[in-house]
């Protein structure tokens, strides 16, 4: 398999794993995403299908120029994801203001309101609900998105040299 194909499949797998992890934290551990968290998922929802299409195109023997289009698009998509995550992390650190309407949604509350309030963690966009090694979900999203963008750009550059 070509480098472009391996890169595209790797991006698809890491991006999909990131979304699955977010959903596990949300539905398995009760971390309700804020408005910015949900927006930060958009690049993954777009990027995974683009990465899969690029991987399939590489497996079918597509021309390097076509693979560069897919990888270049992935680089831009995940660079946007990195910027969204960095913006959200900055809001959490109070470096700049976030949207005034950003609060945890009530859509996840079940039929038993009191029980749901006891087990569900509500968080506004400017409050990190969890940190690991000093980074919040938003911070880790910025890191993962940057890794994906760099990988896509590397694949783009290597495919263009052939």
Protein backbone atom coordinates (compact mmCIF):
# COMPACT_ATOMS: atom_id res chain seq x y z
CA UNK A 1 0.00 0.00 0.00
CA UNK A 2 1.22 3.49 -0.79
CA UNK A 3 2.29 6.00 1.83
CA UNK A 4 -0.77 8.11 0.97
CA UNK A 5 -3.04 5.13 1.57
CA UNK A 6 -1.42 4.23 4.90
CA UNK A 7 -1.64 7.86 5.98
CA UNK A 8 -5.31 8.15 5.03
CA UNK A 9 -6.25 4.90 6.80
CA UNK A 10 -4.27 5.93 9.88
CA UNK A 11 -6.01 9.30 9.97
CA UNK A 12 -9.40 7.63 9.58
CA UNK A 13 -8.67 5.22 12.45
CA UNK A 14 -7.29 7.85 14.86
CA UNK A 15 -10.05 10.32 14.06
CA UNK A 16 -12.77 7.68 14.50
CA UNK A 17 -11.17 6.52 17.77
CA UNK A 18 -11.20 10.11 19.01
CA UNK A 19 -14.92 10.45 18.33
CA UNK A 20 -15.60 7.08 19.98
CA UNK A 21 -13.61 8.20 23.03
CA UNK A 22 -15.64 11.43 23.22
CA UNK A 23 -18.88 9.45 23.03
CA UNK A 24 -17.68 7.05 25.75
CA UNK A 25 -16.90 9.98 28.05
CA UNK A 26 -20.29 11.49 27.21
CA UNK A 27 -22.57 8.47 27.43
CA UNK A 28 -20.46 6.15 29.58
CA UNK A 29 -19.21 8.60 32.19
CA UNK A 30 -21.82 11.37 32.03
CA UNK A 31 -19.65 14.21 30.76
CA UNK A 32 -22.17 16.34 28.90
CA UNK A 33 -20.47 18.30 26.10
CA UNK A 34 -20.91 22.02 25.91
CA UNK A 35 -21.74 23.87 22.70
CA UNK A 36 -18.07 24.35 21.77
CA UNK A 37 -17.34 20.67 22.44
CA UNK A 38 -20.00 19.69 19.94
CA UNK A 39 -18.63 22.11 17.35
CA UNK A 40 -15.14 20.64 17.85
CA UNK A 41 -16.48 17.28 16.65
CA UNK A 42 -17.45 18.62 13.22
CA UNK A 43 -13.96 18.27 11.70
CA UNK A 44 -13.99 14.60 12.74
CA UNK A 45 -17.44 14.02 11.25
CA UNK A 46 -16.18 15.47 7.96
CA UNK A 47 -12.60 14.17 8.19
CA UNK A 48 -13.35 10.49 8.77
CA UNK A 49 -15.32 10.08 5.51
CA UNK A 50 -12.72 12.10 3.58
CA UNK A 51 -9.93 9.94 5.02
CA UNK A 52 -11.84 6.75 4.16
CA UNK A 53 -12.48 7.97 0.62
CA UNK A 54 -8.80 8.87 0.23
CA UNK A 55 -7.74 5.47 1.58
CA UNK A 56 -10.10 3.69 -0.79
CA UNK A 57 -8.86 5.82 -3.69
CA UNK A 58 -5.27 4.91 -2.83
CA UNK A 59 -6.17 1.21 -2.67
CA UNK A 60 -7.79 1.53 -6.12
CA UNK A 61 -4.60 3.02 -7.55
CA UNK A 62 -5.70 6.64 -7.85
CA UNK A 63 -3.27 9.15 -9.28
CA UNK A 64 -1.01 11.01 -6.85
CA UNK A 65 -2.73 14.32 -7.63
CA UNK A 66 -6.09 12.94 -6.55
CA UNK A 67 -4.58 11.57 -3.35
CA UNK A 68 -2.97 14.94 -2.70
CA UNK A 69 -6.38 16.58 -2.92
CA UNK A 70 -7.74 14.24 -0.25
CA UNK A 71 -4.71 14.58 2.01
CA UNK A 72 -4.60 18.36 1.55
CA UNK A 73 -8.26 18.60 2.43
CA UNK A 74 -7.62 16.49 5.54
CA UNK A 75 -4.76 18.77 6.56
CA UNK A 76 -7.05 21.80 6.34
CA UNK A 77 -9.96 20.05 8.10
CA UNK A 78 -7.84 19.00 11.07
CA UNK A 79 -6.00 22.32 11.22
CA UNK A 80 -9.44 23.90 11.68
CA UNK A 81 -10.10 21.27 14.37
CA UNK A 82 -6.86 22.25 16.10
CA UNK A 83 -7.84 25.91 16.05
CA UNK A 84 -11.29 25.11 17.45
CA UNK A 85 -9.77 23.06 20.27
CA UNK A 86 -7.17 25.75 21.03
CA UNK A 87 -9.89 28.44 21.07
CA UNK A 88 -12.01 26.38 23.47
CA UNK A 89 -9.01 25.65 25.71
CA UNK A 90 -8.29 29.39 25.80
CA UNK A 91 -11.88 30.03 26.86
CA UNK A 92 -11.46 27.47 29.65
CA UNK A 93 -8.23 29.16 30.83
CA UNK A 94 -10.07 32.54 30.69
CA UNK A 95 -7.59 33.90 28.14
CA UNK A 96 -10.51 35.22 26.07
CA UNK A 97 -14.28 35.16 26.35
CA UNK A 98 -16.35 32.35 24.90
CA UNK A 99 -19.86 32.50 23.51
CA UNK A 100 -22.33 33.88 26.04
CA UNK A 101 -24.85 31.18 25.19
CA UNK A 102 -22.50 28.28 25.93
CA UNK A 103 -23.94 26.10 28.65
CA UNK A 104 -24.48 22.38 29.04
CA UNK A 105 -27.64 21.23 27.30
CA UNK A 106 -30.56 19.59 29.07
CA UNK A 107 -31.16 17.17 26.21
CA UNK A 108 -29.44 14.32 28.06
CA UNK A 109 -31.75 14.51 31.07
CA UNK A 110 -33.89 11.42 31.30
CA UNK A 111 -37.34 10.97 32.74
CA UNK A 112 -36.16 11.15 36.36
CA UNK A 113 -34.90 14.73 36.62
CA UNK A 114 -33.51 14.48 40.15
CA UNK A 115 -31.61 11.27 39.42
CA UNK A 116 -30.28 12.72 36.18
CA UNK A 117 -29.06 15.82 38.01
CA UNK A 118 -27.18 13.62 40.49
CA UNK A 119 -25.39 11.54 37.85
CA UNK A 120 -24.85 14.01 35.01
CA UNK A 121 -21.97 16.49 35.06
CA UNK A 122 -22.99 19.82 33.58
CA UNK A 123 -20.28 22.11 32.36
CA UNK A 124 -20.20 25.47 30.66
CA UNK A 125 -17.77 26.23 27.84
CA UNK A 126 -15.51 28.20 30.15
CA UNK A 127 -15.09 25.44 32.74
CA UNK A 128 -12.98 22.36 32.06
CA UNK A 129 -14.82 19.31 33.38
CA UNK A 130 -11.73 17.07 33.24
CA UNK A 131 -8.00 17.45 32.87
CA UNK A 132 -5.22 14.97 32.19
CA UNK A 133 -1.59 16.12 32.30
CA UNK A 134 -2.89 19.68 32.55
CA UNK A 135 -4.96 19.55 29.36
CA UNK A 136 -8.74 19.49 29.18
CA UNK A 137 -10.82 17.66 26.60
CA UNK A 138 -10.51 20.77 24.40
CA UNK A 139 -6.75 20.88 24.86
CA UNK A 140 -6.36 17.21 23.98
CA UNK A 141 -8.61 17.73 20.98
CA UNK A 142 -6.26 20.49 19.79
CA UNK A 143 -3.28 18.12 20.19
CA UNK A 144 -4.95 15.20 18.38
CA UNK A 145 -6.20 17.47 15.60
CA UNK A 146 -2.71 18.93 15.17
CA UNK A 147 -1.21 15.42 14.93
CA UNK A 148 -3.81 14.52 12.30
CA UNK A 149 -3.18 17.75 10.36
CA UNK A 150 0.59 17.21 10.41
CA UNK A 151 0.19 13.59 9.30
CA UNK A 152 -2.09 14.66 6.45
CA UNK A 153 0.31 17.40 5.38
CA UNK A 154 3.23 14.96 5.52
CA UNK A 155 1.28 12.53 3.35
CA UNK A 156 0.43 15.37 0.98
CA UNK A 157 4.08 16.41 0.69
CA UNK A 158 5.41 12.85 0.25
CA UNK A 159 2.80 12.03 -2.37
CA UNK A 160 3.75 15.13 -4.36
CA UNK A 161 7.41 14.10 -4.50
CA UNK A 162 6.69 10.88 -6.36
